[in-house]
Amino acid sequence: MTRLSVNVNKIATLRNSRGKNQPDLIEAVKKLIYFGVKGITVHPRPDGRHILYTDVQNIKKLLTTHKEIELNVEGYPSPHFLQLMEKVRPDQCTLVPDPPTALTSNAGWSVHKNLDFLDNVLTSLKKYNIRTSLFIDPFTLTETELDSLTQLIPERVELYTEAYATAYHTAQREKVTQTYIHAAEKLIKEKIEINAGHDLNLDNLSWLLKKIPQIKEVSIGHALICESLYQGLKTVVQQYLTICKNPGGI
């Protein structure tokens, strides 16, 4: 079964817009756990426009009493970010190549160009027993890139799914999906596990999981919160959990 990890950045964005503690991020995480979610994702950024470093620490503190819930922290591995990882020690750290000004993640790593840098970062994270994941675009997964990945051996790769989501309602869906399938097959052959995320929603998630059932985890935030505005958080979360459990039944 694929694990659903809910990205709570948008909840923090709403809170920050008023400068107070409404909605209460920790209470929202508690609700998600109560509704059956088994993973929480956060992506703190240097400007603190949504998740704050203190939020990451507070969520980690909460999850110490919920051992079955995994914490996934995404981010660019700056010295400040790596200090946070050493302090918080999440279950998983997903490294993204975002510059500080990026609105959202919009590219995968150029692994070959950053091989030495990533090697040092992954070595550091593994010392703290943190599972490592690299954000990768299947469309740039050349043989050179794959060879570099096999040198690094991250435990997982998160497939950047924006292209998949864009093509989902077009005639290109099958062709684009095949690119993701082939990338997943190559990575799994090298004993690298697969996560997926970006622009996934209730409409397109089932097809992806049916085509790549080996996906260990999907990280979903923006769409889930938008859908919850119309249907309610509990209803939407339960729909996602149903898809993750049995995508072929949808």
Protein backbone atom coordinates (compact mmCIF):
# COMPACT_ATOMS: atom_id res chain seq x y z
CA MET A 1 0.00 0.00 0.00
CA THR A 2 1.25 3.48 -0.87
CA ARG A 3 1.69 5.79 2.10
CA LEU A 4 -0.13 9.13 1.95
CA SER A 5 1.98 11.95 3.34
CA VAL A 6 0.05 15.20 3.61
CA ASN A 7 2.03 18.37 3.00
CA VAL A 8 0.74 20.92 5.51
CA ASN A 9 2.51 23.97 4.04
CA LYS A 10 -0.75 25.52 2.82
CA ILE A 11 -2.24 25.35 6.31
CA ALA A 12 0.75 27.28 7.61
CA THR A 13 0.42 29.79 4.74
CA LEU A 14 -3.18 30.51 5.77
CA ARG A 15 -2.12 30.92 9.40
CA ASN A 16 0.74 33.24 8.52
CA SER A 17 -1.54 35.49 6.45
CA ARG A 18 -3.11 36.83 9.65
CA GLY A 19 -0.06 36.74 11.90
CA LYS A 20 -1.77 34.67 14.58
CA ASN A 21 -2.34 30.97 15.24
CA GLN A 22 -5.50 30.33 13.24
CA PRO A 23 -5.69 27.75 11.84
CA ASP A 24 -3.63 25.94 14.46
CA LEU A 25 -1.09 23.88 12.55
CA ILE A 26 -0.54 21.31 15.29
CA GLU A 27 -4.28 20.80 15.72
CA ALA A 28 -4.54 20.27 11.95
CA VAL A 29 -1.79 17.63 12.10
CA LYS A 30 -3.64 15.92 14.95
CA LYS A 31 -6.80 15.86 12.84
CA LEU A 32 -4.93 14.35 9.89
CA ILE A 33 -3.55 11.61 12.14
CA TYR A 34 -7.03 10.95 13.53
CA PHE A 35 -8.39 10.66 9.99
CA GLY A 36 -5.83 7.94 9.20
CA VAL A 37 -2.91 9.72 7.54
CA LYS A 38 0.42 7.95 8.09
CA GLY A 39 2.77 10.69 6.95
CA ILE A 40 3.26 14.45 7.34
CA THR A 41 5.37 16.47 4.91
CA VAL A 42 6.74 19.97 5.44
CA HIS A 43 8.90 22.16 3.24
CA PRO A 44 10.39 25.05 5.24
CA ARG A 45 11.84 27.84 3.12
CA PRO A 46 14.40 30.50 4.07
CA ASP A 47 11.83 33.34 4.00
CA GLY A 48 9.44 31.52 6.38
CA ARG A 49 6.45 32.18 4.15
CA HIS A 50 4.67 29.05 5.34
CA ILE A 51 6.27 26.34 7.49
CA LEU A 52 8.67 27.77 10.06
CA TYR A 53 11.63 25.92 11.51
CA THR A 54 9.86 26.04 14.88
CA ASP A 55 6.86 24.35 13.23
CA VAL A 56 9.08 21.48 12.10
CA GLN A 57 10.34 21.03 15.64
CA ASN A 58 6.84 21.18 17.11
CA ILE A 59 5.49 18.62 14.64
CA LYS A 60 8.42 16.32 15.40
CA LYS A 61 7.67 16.65 19.12
CA LEU A 62 4.03 15.72 18.49
CA LEU A 63 4.98 12.71 16.38
CA THR A 64 7.18 11.26 19.12
CA THR A 65 3.90 9.98 20.59
CA HIS A 66 2.75 8.68 17.19
CA LYS A 67 5.55 6.35 16.16
CA GLU A 68 3.58 5.01 13.18
CA ILE A 69 3.48 8.46 11.54
CA GLU A 70 6.46 9.41 9.40
CA LEU A 71 7.79 12.94 9.14
CA ASN A 72 9.17 13.92 5.73
CA VAL A 73 11.03 17.23 5.54
CA GLU A 74 11.72 18.68 2.10
CA GLY A 75 14.21 21.39 1.31
CA TYR A 76 17.36 22.64 -0.31
CA PRO A 77 20.35 21.38 1.72
CA SER A 78 21.76 24.69 2.89
CA PRO A 79 23.91 24.70 6.05
CA HIS A 80 20.94 26.09 8.02
CA PHE A 81 18.63 23.39 6.69
CA LEU A 82 21.12 20.64 7.50
CA GLN A 83 21.45 21.96 11.04
CA LEU A 84 17.67 21.60 11.35
CA MET A 85 17.88 18.02 10.08
CA GLU A 86 20.52 17.20 12.68
CA LYS A 87 18.29 18.62 15.40
CA VAL A 88 14.93 17.22 14.27
CA ARG A 89 16.06 13.94 12.66
CA PRO A 90 12.92 13.26 10.61
CA ASP A 91 12.15 9.83 9.22
CA GLN A 92 12.87 11.08 5.72
CA CYS A 93 14.56 14.09 4.15
CA THR A 94 13.67 14.88 0.54
CA LEU A 95 16.30 17.08 -1.06
CA VAL A 96 15.16 19.53 -3.73
CA PRO A 97 17.28 21.89 -5.88
CA ASP A 98 15.04 24.93 -5.31
CA PRO A 99 16.66 28.36 -5.11
CA PRO A 100 15.47 30.45 -2.13
CA THR A 101 13.13 32.53 -4.32
CA ALA A 102 11.28 29.58 -5.90
CA LEU A 103 7.51 29.73 -5.49
CA THR A 104 7.30 25.93 -5.45
CA SER A 105 9.50 23.02 -6.51
CA ASN A 106 9.83 23.22 -10.28
CA ALA A 107 12.75 21.01 -11.30
CA GLY A 108 14.57 17.85 -10.39
CA TRP A 109 18.24 17.59 -9.48
CA SER A 110 20.98 17.61 -12.08
CA VAL A 111 22.68 14.82 -10.18
CA HIS A 112 25.84 14.52 -12.27
CA LYS A 113 26.59 18.25 -11.96
CA ASN A 114 26.04 18.17 -8.19
CA LEU A 115 27.50 14.74 -7.48
CA ASP A 116 30.16 15.74 -4.93
CA PHE A 117 27.82 18.17 -3.17
CA LEU A 118 25.01 15.61 -2.91
CA ASP A 119 27.41 12.89 -1.82
CA ASN A 120 28.51 15.00 1.14
CA VAL A 121 24.93 15.89 2.05
CA LEU A 122 23.66 12.31 1.87
CA THR A 123 26.60 11.09 3.93
CA SER A 124 25.75 13.65 6.59
CA LEU A 125 22.06 12.73 6.68
CA LYS A 126 22.73 9.02 6.83
CA LYS A 127 24.87 9.57 9.94
CA TYR A 128 21.67 10.67 11.67
CA ASN A 129 19.75 7.60 10.41
CA ILE A 130 17.56 9.78 8.18
CA ARG A 131 16.17 8.13 5.07
CA THR A 132 17.28 10.14 2.04
CA SER A 133 15.25 10.96 -1.06
CA LEU A 134 16.20 13.04 -4.10
CA PHE A 135 13.68 15.00 -6.18
CA ILE A 136 14.15 13.76 -9.77
CA ASP A 137 12.51 14.62 -13.10
CA PRO A 138 11.99 11.40 -15.11
CA PHE A 139 12.44 13.37 -18.34
CA THR A 140 16.03 14.22 -17.42
CA LEU A 141 16.95 10.76 -16.11
CA THR A 142 19.65 10.02 -18.69
CA GLU A 143 22.07 7.14 -18.38
CA THR A 144 24.63 9.61 -17.02
CA GLU A 145 22.18 10.79 -14.39
CA LEU A 146 21.24 7.22 -13.48
CA ASP A 147 24.91 6.27 -13.16
CA SER A 148 25.43 9.22 -10.80
CA LEU A 149 22.44 8.14 -8.73
CA THR A 150 23.84 4.63 -8.40
CA GLN A 151 27.04 6.15 -7.04
CA LEU A 152 25.10 8.10 -4.42
CA ILE A 153 22.58 5.37 -3.59
CA PRO A 154 19.86 7.43 -1.92
CA GLU A 155 17.27 5.18 -0.31
CA ARG A 156 14.57 6.76 -2.43
CA VAL A 157 13.85 9.08 -5.33
CA GLU A 158 10.76 11.28 -5.51
CA LEU A 159 9.47 11.46 -9.06
CA TYR A 160 8.52 15.03 -10.00
CA THR A 161 4.99 14.55 -11.33
CA GLU A 162 4.05 17.96 -12.75
CA ALA A 163 4.46 16.74 -16.35
CA TYR A 164 2.28 13.72 -15.58
CA ALA A 165 -0.45 15.91 -14.06
CA THR A 166 -0.33 18.33 -17.00
CA ALA A 167 -0.70 15.51 -19.53
CA TYR A 168 -3.34 13.56 -17.62
CA HIS A 169 -6.36 14.99 -19.46
CA THR A 170 -4.68 15.11 -22.86
CA ALA A 171 -3.86 12.66 -25.63
CA GLN A 172 -0.30 12.56 -24.28
CA ARG A 173 -1.25 10.84 -21.01
CA GLU A 174 -0.17 7.33 -21.98
CA LYS A 175 3.08 8.48 -23.58
CA VAL A 176 4.03 10.65 -20.63
CA THR A 177 3.07 7.96 -18.12
CA GLN A 178 5.38 5.53 -19.91
CA THR A 179 8.29 7.86 -19.20
CA TYR A 180 7.49 7.62 -15.50
CA ILE A 181 7.12 3.85 -15.68
CA HIS A 182 10.48 3.43 -17.41
CA ALA A 183 12.19 5.74 -14.92
CA ALA A 184 10.70 3.81 -12.00
CA GLU A 185 11.80 0.49 -13.49
CA LYS A 186 15.38 1.71 -13.90
CA LEU A 187 15.54 3.05 -10.36
CA ILE A 188 14.00 -0.04 -8.80
CA LYS A 189 16.50 -2.18 -10.70
CA GLU A 190 19.22 -0.22 -8.88
CA LYS A 191 17.44 -0.91 -5.57
CA ILE A 192 16.28 2.70 -5.18
CA GLU A 193 12.70 2.98 -3.92
CA ILE A 194 10.15 5.37 -5.42
CA ASN A 195 8.10 8.24 -4.02
CA ALA A 196 6.05 10.69 -6.09
CA GLY A 197 4.75 14.20 -5.73
CA HIS A 198 3.70 17.52 -7.27
CA ASP A 199 0.27 18.39 -8.68
CA LEU A 200 -1.20 15.00 -7.75
CA ASN A 201 -4.90 15.10 -6.86
CA LEU A 202 -8.01 12.96 -6.43
CA ASP A 203 -8.51 12.95 -10.19
CA ASN A 204 -5.10 11.75 -11.38
CA LEU A 205 -3.63 9.79 -8.47
CA SER A 206 -5.34 6.44 -9.09
CA TRP A 207 -4.03 6.10 -12.66
CA LEU A 208 -0.46 6.75 -11.55
CA LEU A 209 -0.60 4.21 -8.73
CA LYS A 210 -2.15 1.59 -11.01
CA LYS A 211 0.64 2.11 -13.52
CA ILE A 212 3.44 2.25 -10.91
CA PRO A 213 2.22 0.22 -7.92
CA GLN A 214 5.76 0.19 -6.48
CA ILE A 215 5.40 3.82 -5.37
CA LYS A 216 6.05 3.82 -1.64
CA GLU A 217 4.73 7.27 -0.81
CA VAL A 218 2.89 10.19 -2.36
CA SER A 219 3.24 13.67 -0.92
CA ILE A 220 0.14 15.79 -1.53
CA GLY A 221 -0.67 19.21 -0.11
CA HIS A 222 -1.98 21.96 -2.36
CA ALA A 223 -4.65 19.88 -4.11
CA LEU A 224 -5.74 18.15 -0.92
CA ILE A 225 -6.32 21.44 0.86
CA CYS A 226 -8.13 22.94 -2.15
CA GLU A 227 -10.39 19.88 -2.41
CA SER A 228 -11.04 20.05 1.32
CA LEU A 229 -12.47 23.55 0.96
CA TYR A 230 -15.31 22.03 -1.04
CA GLN A 231 -15.73 18.59 0.51
CA GLY A 232 -14.26 18.79 4.00
CA LEU A 233 -10.88 17.58 5.24
CA LYS A 234 -12.08 14.25 6.62
CA THR A 235 -13.94 13.28 3.43
CA VAL A 236 -11.02 14.19 1.16
CA VAL A 237 -8.41 12.42 3.30
CA GLN A 238 -10.51 9.24 3.33
CA GLN A 239 -10.79 9.37 -0.47
CA TYR A 240 -7.01 9.62 -0.81
CA LEU A 241 -6.46 6.75 1.62
CA THR A 242 -8.89 4.59 -0.37
CA ILE A 243 -6.97 5.28 -3.59
CA CYS A 244 -3.62 4.58 -1.94
CA LYS A 245 -4.93 1.28 -0.56
CA ASN A 246 -6.61 0.09 -3.74
CA PRO A 247 -5.99 2.24 -6.85
CA GLY A 248 -7.34 -0.50 -9.08
CA GLY A 249 -10.75 -0.26 -7.43
CA ILE A 250 -11.36 3.32 -8.48
